[in-house]
């Protein structure tokens, strides 16, 4: 009877460990897919929260719940930080966020010459 009890406890422990590993694996896979919506949970109902969105050159773009006194820099941190090609430009990192705000972080500038630009220049020289 004692051996049966130990086996039953061992089976329960193994099942719990497998459940935890499965949940972790599921979270890892959803992070890799770059899901648009981040999970929103309220840890302290007495504190005011905002729902804000961040997209562009950040690691985890999406919709986040953040404290009411948070700044743009806090939201970037929640979104996993900036990508290497991020350009902050005129982004005000110290701006206090408001409910419903959307923050867009610009990526690398891509410039290319188009054939129409070259033709216009030639036309202007001919005149």
N, C-alpha and C. Protein backbone atom coordinates (compact mmCIF):
# COMPACT_ATOMS: atom_id res chain seq x y z
N UNK A 1 0.82 -1.20 0.00
CA UNK A 1 0.00 0.00 0.00
C UNK A 1 0.87 1.26 0.00
N UNK A 2 1.96 1.18 0.74
CA UNK A 2 2.86 2.33 0.83
C UNK A 2 3.53 2.62 -0.51
N UNK A 3 3.90 1.56 -1.25
CA UNK A 3 4.53 1.73 -2.56
C UNK A 3 3.53 2.37 -3.53
N UNK A 4 2.27 1.94 -3.46
CA UNK A 4 1.24 2.52 -4.33
C UNK A 4 1.09 4.02 -4.07
N UNK A 5 1.11 4.44 -2.82
CA UNK A 5 0.98 5.85 -2.46
C UNK A 5 2.16 6.66 -3.02
N UNK A 6 3.37 6.13 -2.91
CA UNK A 6 4.55 6.82 -3.44
C UNK A 6 4.48 6.93 -4.96
N UNK A 7 4.02 5.88 -5.62
CA UNK A 7 3.88 5.94 -7.07
C UNK A 7 2.83 6.96 -7.48
N UNK A 8 1.73 7.02 -6.73
CA UNK A 8 0.67 7.98 -7.04
C UNK A 8 1.19 9.41 -6.88
N UNK A 9 1.95 9.66 -5.83
CA UNK A 9 2.52 11.00 -5.61
C UNK A 9 3.50 11.33 -6.73
N UNK A 10 4.31 10.36 -7.11
CA UNK A 10 5.28 10.57 -8.18
C UNK A 10 4.57 10.88 -9.50
N UNK A 11 3.50 10.18 -9.79
CA UNK A 11 2.73 10.43 -11.01
C UNK A 11 2.16 11.85 -11.00
N UNK A 12 1.62 12.29 -9.88
CA UNK A 12 1.05 13.64 -9.77
C UNK A 12 2.14 14.69 -9.97
N UNK A 13 3.29 14.49 -9.36
CA UNK A 13 4.40 15.44 -9.50
C UNK A 13 4.86 15.50 -10.95
N UNK A 14 5.00 14.37 -11.60
CA UNK A 14 5.42 14.34 -13.00
C UNK A 14 4.40 15.05 -13.88
N UNK A 15 3.12 14.82 -13.64
CA UNK A 15 2.08 15.49 -14.43
C UNK A 15 2.12 17.00 -14.22
N UNK A 16 2.34 17.45 -12.99
CA UNK A 16 2.45 18.89 -12.74
C UNK A 16 3.66 19.48 -13.45
N UNK A 17 4.78 18.81 -13.40
CA UNK A 17 5.98 19.29 -14.10
C UNK A 17 5.73 19.37 -15.60
N UNK A 18 5.10 18.35 -16.16
CA UNK A 18 4.79 18.36 -17.58
C UNK A 18 3.82 19.49 -17.94
N UNK A 19 2.85 19.76 -17.08
CA UNK A 19 1.91 20.86 -17.33
C UNK A 19 2.64 22.20 -17.32
N UNK A 20 3.54 22.40 -16.37
CA UNK A 20 4.30 23.65 -16.30
C UNK A 20 5.18 23.80 -17.54
N UNK A 21 5.87 22.74 -17.94
CA UNK A 21 6.72 22.80 -19.13
C UNK A 21 5.87 23.07 -20.38
N UNK A 22 4.72 22.43 -20.48
CA UNK A 22 3.83 22.66 -21.62
C UNK A 22 3.36 24.10 -21.69
N UNK A 23 3.01 24.67 -20.56
CA UNK A 23 2.57 26.07 -20.53
C UNK A 23 3.71 27.01 -20.92
N UNK A 24 4.90 26.72 -20.41
CA UNK A 24 6.07 27.54 -20.76
C UNK A 24 6.32 27.46 -22.26
N UNK A 25 6.28 26.24 -22.82
CA UNK A 25 6.52 26.05 -24.25
C UNK A 25 5.48 26.81 -25.08
N UNK A 26 4.24 26.76 -24.64
CA UNK A 26 3.17 27.47 -25.35
C UNK A 26 3.43 28.97 -25.35
N UNK A 27 3.85 29.53 -24.21
CA UNK A 27 4.17 30.95 -24.14
C UNK A 27 5.35 31.30 -25.03
N UNK A 28 6.37 30.47 -25.07
CA UNK A 28 7.53 30.70 -25.93
C UNK A 28 7.12 30.73 -27.40
N UNK A 29 6.27 29.80 -27.79
CA UNK A 29 5.85 29.74 -29.18
C UNK A 29 5.01 30.96 -29.56
N UNK A 30 4.14 31.42 -28.66
CA UNK A 30 3.33 32.59 -28.98
C UNK A 30 4.18 33.84 -29.04
N UNK A 31 5.25 33.93 -28.24
CA UNK A 31 6.16 35.08 -28.31
C UNK A 31 6.89 35.09 -29.65
N UNK A 32 7.27 33.94 -30.14
CA UNK A 32 7.99 33.87 -31.41
C UNK A 32 7.11 34.25 -32.58
N UNK A 33 5.83 33.99 -32.48
CA UNK A 33 4.92 34.34 -33.56
C UNK A 33 4.68 35.84 -33.62
N UNK A 34 5.06 36.57 -32.57
CA UNK A 34 4.87 38.01 -32.55
C UNK A 34 3.41 38.38 -32.46
N UNK A 35 2.69 37.74 -31.56
CA UNK A 35 1.26 37.99 -31.46
C UNK A 35 1.01 39.47 -31.20
N UNK A 36 -0.04 39.98 -31.80
CA UNK A 36 -0.34 41.40 -31.72
C UNK A 36 -0.83 41.80 -30.33
N UNK A 37 -1.56 40.95 -29.67
CA UNK A 37 -2.15 41.29 -28.38
C UNK A 37 -1.38 40.61 -27.26
N UNK A 38 -0.85 41.40 -26.34
CA UNK A 38 -0.17 40.85 -25.18
C UNK A 38 -1.22 40.54 -24.12
N UNK A 39 -1.01 39.50 -23.31
CA UNK A 39 -2.01 39.20 -22.28
C UNK A 39 -2.15 40.35 -21.29
N UNK A 40 -3.38 40.65 -20.93
CA UNK A 40 -3.65 41.76 -20.02
C UNK A 40 -4.21 41.18 -18.73
N UNK A 41 -3.53 41.47 -17.64
CA UNK A 41 -4.00 41.02 -16.33
C UNK A 41 -3.92 42.19 -15.36
N UNK A 42 -4.86 42.24 -14.45
CA UNK A 42 -4.87 43.28 -13.42
C UNK A 42 -4.37 42.67 -12.14
N UNK A 43 -3.18 43.11 -11.70
CA UNK A 43 -2.62 42.54 -10.48
C UNK A 43 -3.11 43.29 -9.24
N UNK A 44 -3.37 44.57 -9.39
CA UNK A 44 -3.82 45.37 -8.25
C UNK A 44 -4.99 46.24 -8.71
N UNK A 45 -6.24 45.83 -8.44
CA UNK A 45 -7.41 46.56 -8.93
C UNK A 45 -7.52 47.98 -8.40
N UNK A 46 -6.82 48.30 -7.29
CA UNK A 46 -6.92 49.64 -6.74
C UNK A 46 -6.09 50.64 -7.54
N UNK A 47 -5.14 50.16 -8.35
CA UNK A 47 -4.29 51.05 -9.13
C UNK A 47 -4.90 51.24 -10.52
N UNK A 48 -4.82 52.48 -11.02
CA UNK A 48 -5.38 52.79 -12.33
C UNK A 48 -4.45 52.29 -13.43
N UNK A 49 -5.03 51.73 -14.48
CA UNK A 49 -4.26 51.21 -15.60
C UNK A 49 -4.74 51.83 -16.90
N UNK A 50 -3.84 51.87 -17.88
CA UNK A 50 -4.14 52.33 -19.22
C UNK A 50 -3.97 51.16 -20.18
N UNK A 51 -4.69 51.22 -21.28
CA UNK A 51 -4.49 50.27 -22.36
C UNK A 51 -3.87 51.08 -23.51
N UNK A 52 -2.65 50.70 -23.91
CA UNK A 52 -1.92 51.44 -24.94
C UNK A 52 -1.34 50.46 -25.96
N UNK A 53 -1.02 50.98 -27.14
CA UNK A 53 -0.49 50.14 -28.22
C UNK A 53 0.88 50.67 -28.63
N UNK A 54 1.77 49.75 -28.96
CA UNK A 54 3.08 50.12 -29.50
C UNK A 54 3.35 49.25 -30.72
N UNK A 55 3.89 49.85 -31.78
CA UNK A 55 4.24 49.09 -32.96
C UNK A 55 5.47 49.70 -33.62
N UNK A 56 5.92 49.08 -34.65
CA UNK A 56 7.11 49.56 -35.34
C UNK A 56 8.34 48.76 -34.93
N UNK A 57 9.46 49.45 -34.75
CA UNK A 57 10.75 48.81 -34.54
C UNK A 57 11.00 48.45 -33.08
N UNK A 58 10.10 47.61 -32.50
CA UNK A 58 10.28 47.07 -31.15
C UNK A 58 10.20 45.54 -31.25
N UNK A 59 10.72 44.85 -30.25
CA UNK A 59 10.77 43.39 -30.29
C UNK A 59 9.38 42.75 -30.19
N UNK A 60 8.49 43.30 -29.37
CA UNK A 60 7.18 42.70 -29.18
C UNK A 60 6.08 43.75 -29.33
N UNK A 61 5.75 44.13 -30.57
CA UNK A 61 4.68 45.10 -30.76
C UNK A 61 3.35 44.51 -30.28
N UNK A 62 2.46 45.37 -29.81
CA UNK A 62 1.16 44.88 -29.38
C UNK A 62 0.44 45.87 -28.50
N UNK A 63 -0.59 45.37 -27.84
CA UNK A 63 -1.42 46.17 -26.93
C UNK A 63 -1.04 45.77 -25.51
N UNK A 64 -0.77 46.77 -24.66
CA UNK A 64 -0.31 46.51 -23.31
C UNK A 64 -1.15 47.26 -22.29
N UNK A 65 -1.22 46.67 -21.10
CA UNK A 65 -1.80 47.34 -19.95
C UNK A 65 -0.63 47.88 -19.14
N UNK A 66 -0.71 49.15 -18.77
CA UNK A 66 0.40 49.81 -18.10
C UNK A 66 -0.15 50.76 -17.05
N UNK A 67 0.63 51.06 -16.04
CA UNK A 67 0.15 51.95 -14.98
C UNK A 67 -0.12 53.34 -15.52
N UNK A 68 -1.02 54.04 -14.87
CA UNK A 68 -1.47 55.35 -15.35
C UNK A 68 -0.37 56.40 -15.35
N UNK A 69 0.69 56.21 -14.58
CA UNK A 69 1.76 57.21 -14.54
C UNK A 69 2.94 56.84 -15.43
N UNK A 70 2.75 55.89 -16.35
CA UNK A 70 3.84 55.40 -17.19
C UNK A 70 4.18 56.37 -18.31
N UNK A 71 5.42 56.26 -18.78
CA UNK A 71 5.93 57.08 -19.87
C UNK A 71 6.19 56.20 -21.09
N UNK A 72 6.48 56.83 -22.22
CA UNK A 72 6.76 56.10 -23.45
C UNK A 72 7.93 55.14 -23.25
N UNK A 73 8.95 55.56 -22.55
CA UNK A 73 10.11 54.70 -22.32
C UNK A 73 9.72 53.42 -21.56
N UNK A 74 8.75 53.50 -20.66
CA UNK A 74 8.27 52.32 -19.94
C UNK A 74 7.58 51.35 -20.89
N UNK A 75 6.81 51.88 -21.83
CA UNK A 75 6.12 51.06 -22.81
C UNK A 75 7.12 50.36 -23.73
N UNK A 76 8.16 51.06 -24.14
CA UNK A 76 9.20 50.45 -24.98
C UNK A 76 9.85 49.30 -24.22
N UNK A 77 10.10 49.49 -22.94
CA UNK A 77 10.68 48.44 -22.12
C UNK A 77 9.76 47.22 -22.07
N UNK A 78 8.45 47.44 -21.87
CA UNK A 78 7.48 46.33 -21.86
C UNK A 78 7.45 45.59 -23.19
N UNK A 79 7.67 46.32 -24.27
CA UNK A 79 7.62 45.73 -25.61
C UNK A 79 8.94 45.06 -25.98
N UNK A 80 9.80 44.85 -25.02
CA UNK A 80 11.04 44.11 -25.27
C UNK A 80 12.20 44.94 -25.75
N UNK A 81 12.03 46.25 -25.78
CA UNK A 81 13.12 47.13 -26.20
C UNK A 81 13.09 47.41 -27.70
N UNK A 82 14.03 48.24 -28.11
CA UNK A 82 14.10 48.67 -29.50
C UNK A 82 14.86 47.67 -30.35
N UNK A 83 14.47 47.56 -31.61
CA UNK A 83 15.23 46.79 -32.58
C UNK A 83 16.45 47.61 -32.99
N UNK A 84 17.49 46.97 -33.51
CA UNK A 84 18.70 47.71 -33.89
C UNK A 84 18.44 48.82 -34.92
N UNK A 85 17.45 48.63 -35.79
CA UNK A 85 17.19 49.64 -36.82
C UNK A 85 16.26 50.76 -36.36
N UNK A 86 15.88 50.76 -35.10
CA UNK A 86 14.95 51.78 -34.58
C UNK A 86 15.56 53.18 -34.67
N UNK A 87 14.70 54.12 -35.06
CA UNK A 87 15.10 55.54 -35.10
C UNK A 87 14.12 56.30 -34.22
N UNK A 88 14.61 56.86 -33.15
CA UNK A 88 13.72 57.57 -32.23
C UNK A 88 13.34 58.94 -32.77
N UNK A 89 14.20 59.57 -33.53
CA UNK A 89 13.86 60.85 -34.15
C UNK A 89 13.27 61.83 -33.15
N UNK A 90 12.02 62.20 -33.37
CA UNK A 90 11.33 63.17 -32.50
C UNK A 90 10.50 62.49 -31.41
N UNK A 91 10.72 61.19 -31.20
CA UNK A 91 9.96 60.48 -30.17
C UNK A 91 10.30 61.02 -28.79
N UNK A 92 9.29 61.43 -28.05
CA UNK A 92 9.48 61.96 -26.70
C UNK A 92 9.37 60.80 -25.71
N UNK A 93 10.52 60.30 -25.25
CA UNK A 93 10.53 59.16 -24.35
C UNK A 93 9.95 59.49 -22.98
N UNK A 94 9.93 60.76 -22.62
CA UNK A 94 9.44 61.19 -21.30
C UNK A 94 7.94 61.49 -21.30
N UNK A 95 7.27 61.38 -22.45
CA UNK A 95 5.84 61.70 -22.53
C UNK A 95 5.04 60.74 -21.65
N UNK A 96 4.15 61.29 -20.83
CA UNK A 96 3.25 60.47 -20.01
C UNK A 96 2.14 59.94 -20.92
N UNK A 97 1.91 58.65 -20.85
CA UNK A 97 0.92 58.01 -21.71
C UNK A 97 -0.50 58.29 -21.24
N UNK A 98 -1.43 58.26 -22.19
CA UNK A 98 -2.86 58.39 -21.88
C UNK A 98 -3.57 57.15 -22.41
N UNK A 99 -4.72 56.84 -21.84
CA UNK A 99 -5.47 55.66 -22.26
C UNK A 99 -5.76 55.73 -23.75
N UNK A 100 -5.48 54.64 -24.45
CA UNK A 100 -5.75 54.57 -25.88
C UNK A 100 -4.63 55.07 -26.76
N UNK A 101 -3.51 55.52 -26.18
CA UNK A 101 -2.39 56.02 -26.98
C UNK A 101 -1.83 54.92 -27.87
N UNK A 102 -1.31 55.34 -29.02
CA UNK A 102 -0.58 54.44 -29.91
C UNK A 102 0.78 55.07 -30.14
N UNK A 103 1.83 54.30 -29.88
CA UNK A 103 3.19 54.76 -30.07
C UNK A 103 3.79 53.98 -31.22
N UNK A 104 4.31 54.69 -32.21
CA UNK A 104 4.95 54.04 -33.36
C UNK A 104 6.42 54.40 -33.35
N UNK A 105 7.28 53.37 -33.36
CA UNK A 105 8.72 53.58 -33.40
C UNK A 105 9.18 53.34 -34.84
N UNK A 106 9.78 54.36 -35.42
CA UNK A 106 10.22 54.26 -36.81
C UNK A 106 11.38 53.29 -36.95
N UNK A 107 11.45 52.64 -38.11
CA UNK A 107 12.55 51.74 -38.42
C UNK A 107 13.58 52.45 -39.30
N UNK A 108 14.45 51.67 -39.90
CA UNK A 108 15.52 52.22 -40.74
C UNK A 108 14.95 52.93 -41.95
N UNK A 109 15.59 54.00 -42.33
CA UNK A 109 15.21 54.73 -43.54
C UNK A 109 15.75 53.99 -44.75
N UNK A 110 14.91 53.74 -45.71
CA UNK A 110 15.35 53.10 -46.94
C UNK A 110 15.19 54.11 -48.06
N UNK A 111 16.30 54.49 -48.65
CA UNK A 111 16.24 55.44 -49.76
C UNK A 111 16.68 54.72 -51.03
N UNK A 112 16.03 55.05 -52.11
CA UNK A 112 16.41 54.48 -53.39
C UNK A 112 16.09 55.49 -54.48
N UNK A 113 16.88 55.45 -55.51
CA UNK A 113 16.63 56.33 -56.64
C UNK A 113 15.65 55.65 -57.58
N UNK A 114 14.67 56.40 -58.00
CA UNK A 114 13.69 55.85 -58.93
C UNK A 114 14.01 56.37 -60.32
N UNK A 115 13.66 55.61 -61.34
CA UNK A 115 13.92 56.07 -62.72
C UNK A 115 13.24 57.39 -63.03
N UNK A 116 12.05 57.62 -62.47
CA UNK A 116 11.34 58.87 -62.75
C UNK A 116 12.11 60.07 -62.22
N UNK A 117 12.82 59.92 -61.12
CA UNK A 117 13.61 61.02 -60.56
C UNK A 117 14.75 61.36 -61.51
N UNK A 118 15.41 60.34 -62.06
CA UNK A 118 16.52 60.58 -62.98
C UNK A 118 16.02 61.28 -64.24
N UNK A 119 14.86 60.86 -64.76
CA UNK A 119 14.32 61.47 -65.97
C UNK A 119 13.98 62.93 -65.74
N UNK A 120 13.40 63.25 -64.58
CA UNK A 120 13.05 64.64 -64.29
C UNK A 120 14.29 65.52 -64.28
N UNK A 121 15.36 65.02 -63.71
CA UNK A 121 16.58 65.81 -63.66
C UNK A 121 17.12 66.06 -65.05
N UNK A 122 17.09 65.05 -65.91
CA UNK A 122 17.57 65.21 -67.27
C UNK A 122 16.71 66.22 -68.04
N UNK A 123 15.41 66.17 -67.85
CA UNK A 123 14.50 67.11 -68.53
C UNK A 123 14.82 68.53 -68.13
N UNK A 124 15.05 68.75 -66.84
CA UNK A 124 15.34 70.11 -66.37
C UNK A 124 16.64 70.63 -66.96
N UNK A 125 17.62 69.77 -67.19
CA UNK A 125 18.89 70.20 -67.77
C UNK A 125 18.75 70.53 -69.24
N UNK A 126 17.82 69.86 -69.93
CA UNK A 126 17.63 70.10 -71.36
C UNK A 126 16.96 71.43 -71.64
N UNK A 127 16.20 71.92 -70.70
CA UNK A 127 15.42 73.14 -70.96
C UNK A 127 16.21 74.38 -70.79
